[in-house]
Amino acid sequence: NTSMANMLEEEFNINSYEKLLKEAAQEIKDNINIVYNLDRFKNVIVDITGGMDSRIVFSCITSMKDTKNKFKLYTFDDKRTNDIKVAIPLSNLYNYPFETVPVKIELDEIEKEEEITRSLNMGVYFYRDFYKGRKYSKNTIRLLGGGGEAIARPYYTRYLQNDELTNIQDELIFTNELFSRKPEGALLPNENGIENCINAFAKELSNTLGDNPLEKYENTYAFLRCGPHFSHKGIITRGFLEWNPIFSKKLFYLKM
């Protein structure tokens, strides 16, 4: 009985797409304005990377007047997304300063470091990144492009649009076909491993909300991965409050 559920039940009208897209963009701007206009935040750090979702947020701030000179840019040299190659030319167009916000680092004892690293890597998110200590910065918030996989665009199904898989209505048949396309990357314990894996995944799909296997497959990101993806140890150790302005109801409706 939420406004989000009610919206998803509405019949989609292709003629209203452009109108809804503009309204979704305004929702993202409203999300940014909320933190921009709070007196407690003197610095609003904006990630600018080679990623699509980061550029959605960046394009929103370029359409706003930074009358309080709060916007500061942050980038990182990630070879996977060519962040620097994208960030430097874009920042030169708009002349936002890069962030130089003072940060206080509080180191922990080695036992605490190990406890946090083990807890988060073995329980929440599956990658190894060494924890050194907490970082603090006053009066600062960071705008992330995070959430686009769940909200802004098809993620797991982006390569399956207009595919014969879209017509399959049975979860087990869908999963069999999906797994048969790229089984060579799977590390499985025995000769029955792939069959067990397919059965487990099909069962998971059948328990996921959605009108068909394709929609359920897409929704597994929102239900099973989005939360852990945005609750990893960076939020504990980075020191800035973080905000995901892409979280727009109308954008999620359009994505679905």
Protein backbone atom coordinates (compact mmCIF):
# COMPACT_ATOMS: atom_id res chain seq x y z
CA ASN A 1 0.00 0.00 0.00
CA THR A 2 2.76 2.45 -0.88
CA SER A 3 2.88 5.16 -3.52
CA MET A 4 5.66 3.19 -5.26
CA ALA A 5 3.56 0.04 -5.47
CA ASN A 6 0.57 2.01 -6.73
CA MET A 7 2.68 3.63 -9.43
CA LEU A 8 4.04 0.29 -10.65
CA GLU A 9 0.49 -0.99 -11.06
CA GLU A 10 -0.41 1.84 -13.44
CA GLU A 11 -0.62 0.88 -17.12
CA PHE A 12 2.29 2.40 -19.02
CA ASN A 13 1.49 4.87 -21.78
CA ILE A 14 4.37 5.32 -24.24
CA ASN A 15 3.08 8.79 -25.11
CA SER A 16 3.82 10.00 -21.59
CA TYR A 17 7.43 8.79 -21.58
CA GLU A 18 9.10 12.16 -22.27
CA LYS A 19 6.90 13.92 -19.70
CA LEU A 20 7.68 11.32 -17.03
CA LEU A 21 11.39 11.44 -17.86
CA LYS A 22 11.46 15.20 -17.25
CA GLU A 23 9.59 14.70 -13.98
CA ALA A 24 12.12 12.02 -12.97
CA ALA A 25 14.99 14.40 -13.73
CA GLN A 26 13.32 17.01 -11.53
CA GLU A 27 13.03 14.47 -8.70
CA ILE A 28 16.80 13.95 -8.86
CA LYS A 29 17.35 17.73 -8.78
CA ASP A 30 14.99 17.97 -5.80
CA ASN A 31 17.03 15.28 -4.01
CA ILE A 32 20.19 17.36 -4.58
CA ASN A 33 18.49 20.60 -3.51
CA ILE A 34 17.49 19.03 -0.19
CA VAL A 35 21.11 18.68 0.91
CA TYR A 36 22.38 21.77 -0.92
CA ASN A 37 20.04 24.06 1.00
CA LEU A 38 20.79 22.64 4.44
CA ASP A 39 23.02 25.00 6.43
CA ARG A 40 24.82 22.10 8.09
CA PHE A 41 26.54 21.22 4.78
CA LYS A 42 29.25 23.64 3.68
CA ASN A 43 30.67 21.26 1.07
CA VAL A 44 28.73 19.11 -1.40
CA ILE A 45 31.19 16.72 -3.04
CA VAL A 46 30.06 15.37 -6.40
CA ASP A 47 31.59 12.21 -7.87
CA ILE A 48 32.48 12.56 -11.54
CA THR A 49 33.59 9.35 -13.20
CA GLY A 50 33.35 7.46 -16.45
CA GLY A 51 30.19 5.78 -15.22
CA MET A 52 26.76 6.58 -16.65
CA ASP A 53 25.10 7.05 -13.25
CA SER A 54 27.71 9.52 -12.04
CA ARG A 55 27.17 11.60 -15.17
CA ILE A 56 23.41 11.69 -14.51
CA VAL A 57 24.10 13.35 -11.16
CA PHE A 58 26.75 15.63 -12.62
CA SER A 59 24.42 16.80 -15.38
CA CYS A 60 21.86 17.75 -12.71
CA ILE A 61 24.27 19.97 -10.80
CA THR A 62 25.35 21.70 -14.02
CA SER A 63 21.74 22.77 -14.53
CA MET A 64 21.62 24.33 -11.03
CA LYS A 65 23.09 27.64 -9.87
CA ASP A 66 25.80 27.09 -7.29
CA THR A 67 25.17 30.40 -5.55
CA LYS A 68 26.78 29.23 -2.29
CA ASN A 69 29.85 27.72 -4.00
CA LYS A 70 29.27 24.39 -2.30
CA PHE A 71 29.85 22.01 -5.21
CA LYS A 72 33.26 20.33 -5.28
CA LEU A 73 34.30 17.52 -7.63
CA TYR A 74 35.88 14.20 -6.76
CA THR A 75 37.31 11.67 -9.18
CA PHE A 76 39.53 8.62 -9.05
CA ASP A 77 41.71 6.95 -11.65
CA ASP A 78 39.70 3.79 -12.30
CA LYS A 79 40.96 2.10 -15.46
CA ARG A 80 37.70 0.15 -15.90
CA THR A 81 35.63 3.27 -16.56
CA ASN A 82 38.28 5.74 -17.80
CA ASP A 83 37.33 8.11 -14.98
CA ILE A 84 40.12 10.64 -15.44
CA LYS A 85 39.66 10.82 -19.23
CA VAL A 86 35.99 11.65 -18.69
CA ALA A 87 36.28 13.78 -15.56
CA ILE A 88 38.98 16.27 -16.59
CA PRO A 89 37.37 17.50 -19.87
CA LEU A 90 33.93 17.71 -18.23
CA SER A 91 35.20 19.61 -15.20
CA ASN A 92 37.06 22.02 -17.50
CA LEU A 93 33.77 22.88 -19.20
CA TYR A 94 32.08 23.95 -15.97
CA ASN A 95 34.98 25.13 -13.78
CA TYR A 96 33.95 23.47 -10.55
CA PRO A 97 36.88 23.15 -8.12
CA PHE A 98 38.12 19.73 -7.11
CA GLU A 99 37.57 18.93 -3.44
CA THR A 100 40.35 19.69 -0.95
CA VAL A 101 38.25 19.17 2.17
CA PRO A 102 40.33 18.54 5.32
CA VAL A 103 39.91 15.00 6.60
CA LYS A 104 40.78 13.64 10.05
CA ILE A 105 41.88 10.01 10.08
CA GLU A 106 41.45 7.97 13.24
CA LEU A 107 43.45 4.76 13.17
CA ASP A 108 42.23 1.63 14.94
CA GLU A 109 44.11 -1.15 16.65
CA ILE A 110 44.95 -4.07 14.37
CA GLU A 111 42.38 -6.30 16.10
CA LYS A 112 39.61 -3.81 15.27
CA GLU A 113 40.79 -3.54 11.66
CA GLU A 114 40.65 -7.31 11.27
CA GLU A 115 37.24 -7.55 12.93
CA ILE A 116 35.68 -4.99 10.57
CA THR A 117 37.35 -6.40 7.47
CA ARG A 118 36.22 -9.95 8.26
CA SER A 119 32.73 -8.90 9.24
CA LEU A 120 32.06 -6.94 6.07
CA ASN A 121 33.84 -9.10 3.53
CA MET A 122 32.45 -12.38 4.80
CA GLY A 123 28.99 -11.17 5.68
CA VAL A 124 27.96 -8.35 3.39
CA TYR A 125 30.11 -7.72 0.35
CA PHE A 126 32.50 -10.00 -1.43
CA TYR A 127 35.69 -8.16 -2.20
CA ARG A 128 38.89 -7.58 -0.29
CA ASP A 129 39.92 -4.05 0.56
CA PHE A 130 42.19 -3.27 3.46
CA TYR A 131 40.67 -1.28 6.28
CA LYS A 132 42.94 1.25 7.96
CA GLY A 133 40.74 3.47 10.06
CA ARG A 134 37.84 5.88 10.04
CA LYS A 135 37.93 9.22 8.25
CA TYR A 136 35.97 12.24 9.40
CA SER A 137 35.11 15.53 7.76
CA LYS A 138 32.74 18.10 9.21
CA ASN A 139 29.88 19.77 7.35
CA THR A 140 30.40 17.67 4.23
CA ILE A 141 28.18 15.40 2.16
CA ARG A 142 29.04 13.39 -0.93
CA LEU A 143 26.68 12.83 -3.86
CA LEU A 144 27.14 9.38 -5.42
CA GLY A 145 25.91 8.00 -8.71
CA GLY A 146 24.97 4.90 -6.74
CA GLY A 147 21.67 3.19 -7.32
CA GLY A 148 21.49 3.44 -11.09
CA GLU A 149 21.61 -0.33 -11.49
CA ALA A 150 18.41 -0.67 -9.48
CA ILE A 151 16.67 2.60 -10.35
CA ALA A 152 17.77 4.19 -13.60
CA ARG A 153 18.30 1.47 -16.20
CA PRO A 154 18.04 -2.25 -16.87
CA TYR A 155 21.01 -3.98 -15.32
CA TYR A 156 20.98 -7.79 -15.36
CA THR A 157 18.64 -7.77 -18.38
CA ARG A 158 20.27 -5.02 -20.43
CA TYR A 159 21.66 -7.54 -22.92
CA LEU A 160 18.42 -9.50 -23.10
CA GLN A 161 16.06 -6.87 -24.52
CA ASN A 162 14.41 -8.15 -27.74
CA ASP A 163 15.78 -11.61 -27.03
CA GLU A 164 13.83 -14.89 -27.20
CA LEU A 165 14.30 -15.16 -23.43
CA THR A 166 11.77 -12.34 -23.01
CA ASN A 167 8.98 -14.68 -24.18
CA ILE A 168 9.71 -17.53 -21.75
CA GLN A 169 7.19 -17.80 -18.92
CA ASP A 170 8.69 -20.69 -16.91
CA GLU A 171 11.51 -19.91 -14.44
CA LEU A 172 13.30 -23.26 -14.89
CA ILE A 173 13.26 -23.08 -18.70
CA PHE A 174 14.41 -19.44 -18.53
CA THR A 175 17.28 -20.31 -16.19
CA ASN A 176 18.34 -23.31 -18.27
CA GLU A 177 18.55 -21.14 -21.38
CA LEU A 178 20.34 -18.34 -19.51
CA PHE A 179 22.97 -20.67 -18.02
CA SER A 180 23.51 -22.56 -21.28
CA ARG A 181 24.87 -19.42 -22.94
CA LYS A 182 27.96 -18.95 -20.78
CA PRO A 183 28.59 -21.96 -18.55
CA GLU A 184 32.36 -22.01 -19.03
CA GLY A 185 32.98 -19.41 -16.33
CA ALA A 186 31.26 -21.36 -13.56
CA LEU A 187 33.35 -22.96 -10.81
CA LEU A 188 31.27 -25.86 -9.53
CA PRO A 189 32.12 -28.69 -7.14
CA ASN A 190 31.01 -31.78 -9.05
CA GLU A 191 29.32 -33.13 -12.16
CA ASN A 192 25.89 -32.25 -10.78
CA GLY A 193 26.99 -28.75 -9.90
CA ILE A 194 25.52 -26.94 -12.90
CA GLU A 195 22.18 -28.73 -12.53
CA ASN A 196 22.01 -27.91 -8.81
CA CYS A 197 22.94 -24.31 -9.54
CA ILE A 198 20.22 -23.97 -12.19
CA ASN A 199 17.59 -25.47 -9.88
CA ALA A 200 18.59 -23.16 -7.02
CA PHE A 201 18.54 -20.09 -9.23
CA ALA A 202 15.19 -21.01 -10.78
CA LYS A 203 13.75 -21.46 -7.29
CA GLU A 204 15.07 -18.03 -6.31
CA LEU A 205 13.44 -16.49 -9.39
CA SER A 206 10.12 -18.13 -8.58
CA ASN A 207 10.24 -16.51 -5.13
CA THR A 208 11.04 -13.06 -6.54
CA LEU A 209 8.37 -10.47 -7.31
CA GLY A 210 7.61 -9.88 -10.99
CA ASP A 211 5.19 -10.77 -13.77
CA ASN A 212 7.58 -13.02 -15.74
CA PRO A 213 11.05 -14.58 -15.41
CA LEU A 214 12.77 -11.68 -17.21
CA GLU A 215 11.28 -9.11 -14.84
CA LYS A 216 12.09 -11.33 -11.84
CA TYR A 217 15.67 -11.71 -13.07
CA GLU A 218 16.00 -7.91 -13.21
CA ASN A 219 14.46 -7.54 -9.76
CA THR A 220 16.98 -9.87 -8.14
CA TYR A 221 19.44 -6.94 -8.23
CA ALA A 222 17.12 -4.64 -6.29
CA PHE A 223 16.18 -7.32 -3.77
CA LEU A 224 19.44 -9.21 -3.26
CA ARG A 225 22.37 -7.02 -4.27
CA CYS A 226 21.48 -3.32 -4.15
CA GLY A 227 21.43 -3.20 -0.34
CA PRO A 228 24.80 -4.91 0.20
CA HIS A 229 26.30 -2.91 -2.69
CA PHE A 230 25.54 0.32 -0.88
CA SER A 231 26.29 -0.78 2.67
CA HIS A 232 29.90 -1.91 2.32
CA LYS A 233 32.69 -0.68 4.56
CA GLY A 234 33.25 2.54 2.60
CA ILE A 235 30.28 4.05 4.39
CA ILE A 236 31.89 3.21 7.73
CA THR A 237 35.40 4.36 6.87
CA ARG A 238 35.10 7.13 4.31
CA GLY A 239 33.96 9.76 6.73
CA PHE A 240 31.52 11.73 4.58
CA LEU A 241 27.80 11.38 4.75
CA GLU A 242 26.65 9.94 1.42
CA TRP A 243 23.52 10.59 -0.62
CA ASN A 244 22.19 8.82 -3.72
CA PRO A 245 20.05 11.40 -5.57
CA ILE A 246 19.26 8.95 -8.41
CA PHE A 247 16.66 7.37 -6.14
CA SER A 248 13.64 8.66 -8.07
CA LYS A 249 10.27 6.92 -8.06
CA LYS A 250 9.37 7.96 -11.59
CA LEU A 251 12.74 6.91 -12.96
CA PHE A 252 12.27 3.45 -11.41
CA TYR A 253 8.79 3.27 -12.93
CA LEU A 254 10.20 4.10 -16.37
CA LYS A 255 13.02 1.57 -15.97
CA MET A 256 10.51 -1.17 -15.17
